[in-house]
Amino acid sequence: MSDASYRDAIFSTPLDKVARFSFDERVVACFPDMIRRSVPGYGQILGMLGVIAERHLRHGAHVYDLGCSLGAVGLALAGQLPKDAFSLTGVDLSPAMVERARQTLEHECPDHAIEVIEGDIRHLDYRPSGMIVLNFTLQFLAPEDRDGVLEKLYQALEPGGVLILSEKIKAGDEQDNAWLVERYHDFKRANGYSDLEISQKRNALENVLVPDTLEQHHQRLAQVGFARSLTWFQYLNFASMVAFK
């Protein structure tokens, strides 16, 4: 977004008390800019989803985008696959996100079978699906809820289906993790964020975004039933995994 009104400046002024981060109307308004400047490799992950779908998604199968935000996964798949190749349900807990995603998807890809619903991914009744995408969503759930969600998703996937799990991660070694965090802050500075913004957002996300290690993710995927999973992308402390049923 080039319009300054869409630039992420939520944490640009000193706050007496930094509130917990939430996906409210302010975040929705600047979300594309926030993602572009805050999530290393986000565009590359989206760009590969259509390629992965072409290889692994049964023609006409259903896809879930869980924690869909503004509908980027639907846009990515619609940009690479014909309209009869898939149907997609996007799910988000934020009413503001859902409203904006519906508007965007209806405008950009009206011929594709894409719907967006407001809901809590912990409590959905999932339909059989060939592909499920969790892009930077599991990390916002309480750690004790993560196994249960993944168990549901494993059961919902068709044989041969794939789960894409993208997450902010932490390194198991404290020194390695500190280096990754420092370089991530350098990445944000290079994208125009000030030290104040970096600090205040980090405080806002404390105990809201709780990362796991890659080893924890792969162990969890194996425990719920996935026979194989691998890390196909990593940029600093952000990674994407694919799990095969």
Protein backbone atom coordinates (compact mmCIF):
# COMPACT_ATOMS: atom_id res chain seq x y z
CA MET A 1 0.00 0.00 0.00
CA SER A 2 1.49 3.32 -0.99
CA ASP A 3 -1.15 5.48 0.65
CA ALA A 4 0.30 6.75 3.94
CA SER A 5 -3.03 6.13 5.66
CA TYR A 6 -2.41 2.39 5.25
CA ARG A 7 1.09 2.45 6.72
CA ASP A 8 1.59 0.57 9.98
CA ALA A 9 2.19 3.24 12.61
CA ILE A 10 0.27 1.65 15.49
CA PHE A 11 3.26 1.61 17.85
CA SER A 12 5.05 4.71 16.52
CA THR A 13 4.24 6.97 19.50
CA PRO A 14 5.14 6.32 23.15
CA LEU A 15 2.34 4.60 25.07
CA ASP A 16 1.93 4.78 28.85
CA LYS A 17 0.68 1.22 28.79
CA VAL A 18 1.02 -1.07 25.80
CA ALA A 19 -2.20 -3.02 25.28
CA ARG A 20 -2.20 -6.67 24.26
CA PHE A 21 -2.03 -7.07 20.49
CA SER A 22 -5.36 -7.80 18.79
CA PHE A 23 -6.60 -7.97 15.22
CA ASP A 24 -8.90 -4.97 15.52
CA GLU A 25 -9.93 -2.32 12.96
CA ARG A 26 -6.62 -0.46 13.30
CA VAL A 27 -4.64 -3.57 12.46
CA VAL A 28 -6.95 -4.45 9.56
CA ALA A 29 -6.45 -1.00 8.03
CA CYS A 30 -2.66 -1.39 7.87
CA PHE A 31 -2.37 -5.18 7.75
CA PRO A 32 -0.83 -5.54 4.25
CA ASP A 33 1.92 -3.07 5.16
CA MET A 34 2.41 -4.67 8.57
CA ILE A 35 2.82 -8.13 7.06
CA ARG A 36 5.14 -6.92 4.29
CA ARG A 37 7.46 -5.20 6.75
CA SER A 38 7.15 -7.63 9.67
CA VAL A 39 7.06 -11.20 8.30
CA PRO A 40 10.19 -12.26 6.41
CA GLY A 41 9.37 -14.45 3.42
CA TYR A 42 5.59 -14.03 3.58
CA GLY A 43 5.33 -13.31 -0.14
CA GLN A 44 7.47 -16.30 -1.05
CA ILE A 45 5.33 -18.61 1.09
CA LEU A 46 2.14 -17.37 -0.57
CA GLY A 47 3.70 -17.70 -4.01
CA MET A 48 4.47 -21.38 -3.46
CA LEU A 49 1.00 -22.38 -2.27
CA GLY A 50 -0.37 -22.67 -5.80
CA VAL A 51 2.66 -24.73 -6.82
CA ILE A 52 2.15 -27.09 -3.88
CA ALA A 53 -1.57 -27.30 -4.63
CA GLU A 54 -0.90 -28.21 -8.25
CA ARG A 55 1.23 -31.13 -7.09
CA HIS A 56 -0.84 -32.41 -4.18
CA LEU A 57 -4.43 -31.13 -4.34
CA ARG A 58 -7.02 -33.39 -5.92
CA HIS A 59 -8.89 -31.49 -8.63
CA GLY A 60 -12.05 -30.00 -7.14
CA ALA A 61 -11.04 -30.65 -3.54
CA HIS A 62 -11.84 -28.35 -0.66
CA VAL A 63 -9.22 -26.11 0.99
CA TYR A 64 -9.24 -24.42 4.39
CA ASP A 65 -7.38 -21.19 5.14
CA LEU A 66 -7.45 -20.96 8.93
CA GLY A 67 -6.74 -17.55 10.35
CA CYS A 68 -7.29 -16.20 6.86
CA SER A 69 -6.88 -12.49 7.77
CA LEU A 70 -7.53 -10.57 4.51
CA GLY A 71 -7.80 -13.65 2.30
CA ALA A 72 -4.27 -13.82 0.91
CA VAL A 73 -4.30 -17.62 0.53
CA GLY A 74 -7.52 -17.54 -1.48
CA LEU A 75 -6.08 -14.81 -3.69
CA ALA A 76 -2.87 -16.78 -4.20
CA LEU A 77 -4.65 -19.99 -5.18
CA ALA A 78 -7.16 -18.20 -7.39
CA GLY A 79 -4.29 -16.50 -9.17
CA GLN A 80 -2.67 -19.81 -10.09
CA LEU A 81 -5.49 -22.38 -10.35
CA PRO A 82 -8.64 -22.47 -12.52
CA LYS A 83 -11.98 -21.83 -10.86
CA ASP A 84 -13.02 -25.50 -10.92
CA ALA A 85 -9.76 -26.71 -9.34
CA PHE A 86 -10.79 -26.08 -5.74
CA SER A 87 -13.26 -24.55 -3.32
CA LEU A 88 -11.99 -22.68 -0.27
CA THR A 89 -13.27 -21.69 3.14
CA GLY A 90 -11.41 -18.95 4.95
CA VAL A 91 -11.93 -18.72 8.71
CA ASP A 92 -11.01 -15.87 11.02
CA LEU A 93 -11.95 -14.88 14.54
CA SER A 94 -11.80 -11.13 13.83
CA PRO A 95 -15.05 -9.65 12.48
CA ALA A 96 -13.11 -6.77 10.91
CA MET A 97 -10.81 -9.19 9.08
CA VAL A 98 -13.74 -11.28 7.87
CA GLU A 99 -15.61 -8.28 6.48
CA ARG A 100 -12.57 -6.96 4.61
CA ALA A 101 -11.59 -10.41 3.31
CA ARG A 102 -15.09 -11.00 1.90
CA GLN A 103 -15.00 -7.67 0.10
CA THR A 104 -11.54 -8.31 -1.33
CA LEU A 105 -12.20 -11.85 -2.52
CA GLU A 106 -15.57 -11.00 -4.04
CA HIS A 107 -13.93 -8.19 -5.98
CA GLU A 108 -10.72 -9.96 -7.02
CA CYS A 109 -11.92 -13.50 -7.78
CA PRO A 110 -15.72 -13.54 -8.07
CA ASP A 111 -15.77 -16.71 -10.19
CA HIS A 112 -13.98 -18.88 -7.66
CA ALA A 113 -15.88 -20.81 -4.98
CA ILE A 114 -14.43 -18.99 -1.97
CA GLU A 115 -16.27 -18.16 1.25
CA VAL A 116 -15.09 -16.47 4.44
CA ILE A 117 -16.67 -17.23 7.78
CA GLU A 118 -16.18 -15.86 11.28
CA GLY A 119 -15.27 -18.61 13.69
CA ASP A 120 -12.90 -20.13 16.23
CA ILE A 121 -10.76 -22.82 14.60
CA ARG A 122 -10.69 -24.74 17.88
CA HIS A 123 -14.42 -25.43 17.68
CA LEU A 124 -15.25 -25.84 13.99
CA ASP A 125 -16.86 -28.92 12.48
CA TYR A 126 -14.41 -29.51 9.64
CA ARG A 127 -15.41 -30.93 6.28
CA PRO A 128 -13.15 -33.32 4.33
CA SER A 129 -10.41 -31.31 2.64
CA GLY A 130 -7.44 -31.86 0.37
CA MET A 131 -5.34 -29.00 1.72
CA ILE A 132 -5.37 -26.99 4.93
CA VAL A 133 -3.30 -23.84 5.42
CA LEU A 134 -2.36 -22.43 8.83
CA ASN A 135 -0.31 -19.36 8.04
CA PHE A 136 0.95 -17.81 11.29
CA THR A 137 -2.19 -18.82 13.17
CA LEU A 138 -1.33 -21.69 15.53
CA GLN A 139 1.14 -19.42 17.34
CA PHE A 140 -1.74 -17.29 18.63
CA LEU A 141 -3.48 -20.25 20.28
CA ALA A 142 -2.70 -21.23 23.84
CA PRO A 143 -0.03 -23.97 23.72
CA GLU A 144 -2.39 -26.44 25.38
CA ASP A 145 -4.91 -26.00 22.53
CA ARG A 146 -2.51 -26.72 19.67
CA ASP A 147 -2.52 -30.52 19.77
CA GLY A 148 -6.31 -30.66 19.72
CA VAL A 149 -6.59 -28.37 16.68
CA LEU A 150 -4.00 -30.35 14.72
CA GLU A 151 -5.74 -33.62 15.59
CA LYS A 152 -8.96 -32.23 14.12
CA LEU A 153 -7.17 -31.08 10.99
CA TYR A 154 -5.49 -34.45 10.52
CA GLN A 155 -8.87 -36.14 10.71
CA ALA A 156 -10.37 -33.68 8.22
CA LEU A 157 -7.67 -34.17 5.60
CA GLU A 158 -8.31 -36.64 2.81
CA PRO A 159 -5.73 -39.40 2.28
CA GLY A 160 -2.94 -37.78 0.31
CA GLY A 161 -3.87 -34.33 1.61
CA VAL A 162 -1.39 -31.79 2.89
CA LEU A 163 -1.21 -29.35 5.78
CA ILE A 164 0.82 -26.16 5.37
CA LEU A 165 1.92 -24.81 8.75
CA SER A 166 3.74 -21.46 8.80
CA GLU A 167 4.93 -20.10 12.14
CA LYS A 168 7.23 -17.72 13.91
CA ILE A 169 9.67 -20.06 15.63
CA LYS A 170 12.30 -20.03 18.35
CA ALA A 171 15.65 -21.83 18.33
CA GLY A 172 16.30 -24.49 20.93
CA ASP A 173 19.68 -22.99 21.77
CA GLU A 174 19.43 -19.74 23.74
CA GLN A 175 22.40 -18.12 21.96
CA ASP A 176 21.12 -19.09 18.53
CA ASN A 177 17.67 -17.80 19.39
CA ALA A 178 19.08 -14.45 20.57
CA TRP A 179 20.96 -14.10 17.27
CA LEU A 180 17.81 -14.81 15.24
CA VAL A 181 15.77 -12.32 17.26
CA GLU A 182 18.45 -9.64 16.87
CA ARG A 183 18.64 -10.16 13.10
CA TYR A 184 14.83 -10.09 12.92
CA HIS A 185 14.87 -6.70 14.63
CA ASP A 186 17.49 -5.61 12.09
CA PHE A 187 15.10 -6.77 9.35
CA LYS A 188 12.34 -4.61 10.82
CA ARG A 189 14.65 -1.60 11.13
CA ALA A 190 15.64 -2.04 7.49
CA ASN A 191 11.93 -1.91 6.65
CA GLY A 192 11.42 1.41 8.42
CA TYR A 193 10.38 0.46 11.95
CA SER A 194 11.91 2.45 14.80
CA ASP A 195 13.35 0.95 17.97
CA LEU A 196 10.31 2.31 19.82
CA GLU A 197 7.91 0.53 17.47
CA ILE A 198 9.87 -2.72 17.69
CA SER A 199 9.95 -2.59 21.50
CA GLN A 200 6.30 -1.67 21.98
CA LYS A 201 5.03 -4.28 19.55
CA ARG A 202 7.18 -6.92 21.20
CA ASN A 203 5.61 -6.01 24.54
CA ALA A 204 2.12 -6.11 23.03
CA LEU A 205 2.73 -9.62 21.67
CA GLU A 206 4.16 -11.02 24.90
CA ASN A 207 2.05 -14.00 25.99
CA VAL A 208 -0.16 -13.45 22.93
CA LEU A 209 2.18 -14.96 20.34
CA VAL A 210 4.01 -17.89 21.95
CA PRO A 211 6.41 -19.58 19.50
CA ASP A 212 7.56 -23.20 19.46
CA THR A 213 10.77 -24.70 18.09
CA LEU A 214 10.78 -26.50 14.75
CA GLU A 215 11.42 -29.73 16.65
CA GLN A 216 8.29 -29.17 18.76
CA HIS A 217 6.22 -28.56 15.63
CA HIS A 218 7.40 -31.71 13.89
CA GLN A 219 6.95 -33.78 17.05
CA ARG A 220 3.40 -32.50 17.41
CA LEU A 221 2.61 -33.26 13.76
CA ALA A 222 3.91 -36.81 14.19
CA GLN A 223 1.97 -37.30 17.43
CA VAL A 224 -1.37 -36.42 15.80
CA GLY A 225 -0.77 -38.90 12.97
CA PHE A 226 1.16 -37.30 10.11
CA ALA A 227 3.54 -39.88 8.67
CA ARG A 228 5.90 -37.27 7.29
CA SER A 229 6.56 -33.56 7.65
CA LEU A 230 9.38 -31.30 6.58
CA THR A 231 10.45 -27.69 6.79
CA TRP A 232 10.37 -26.38 3.24
CA PHE A 233 11.07 -22.71 3.98
CA GLN A 234 12.84 -20.69 6.64
CA TYR A 235 13.84 -17.02 6.79
CA LEU A 236 15.34 -16.00 10.14
CA ASN A 237 12.87 -17.03 12.85
CA PHE A 238 9.95 -17.61 10.48
CA ALA A 239 9.36 -20.99 8.86
CA SER A 240 6.85 -22.99 6.88
CA MET A 241 6.31 -26.74 7.09
CA VAL A 242 4.37 -29.22 5.02
CA ALA A 243 2.85 -32.36 6.52
CA PHE A 244 1.57 -35.25 4.40
CA LYS A 245 -1.33 -37.56 5.21
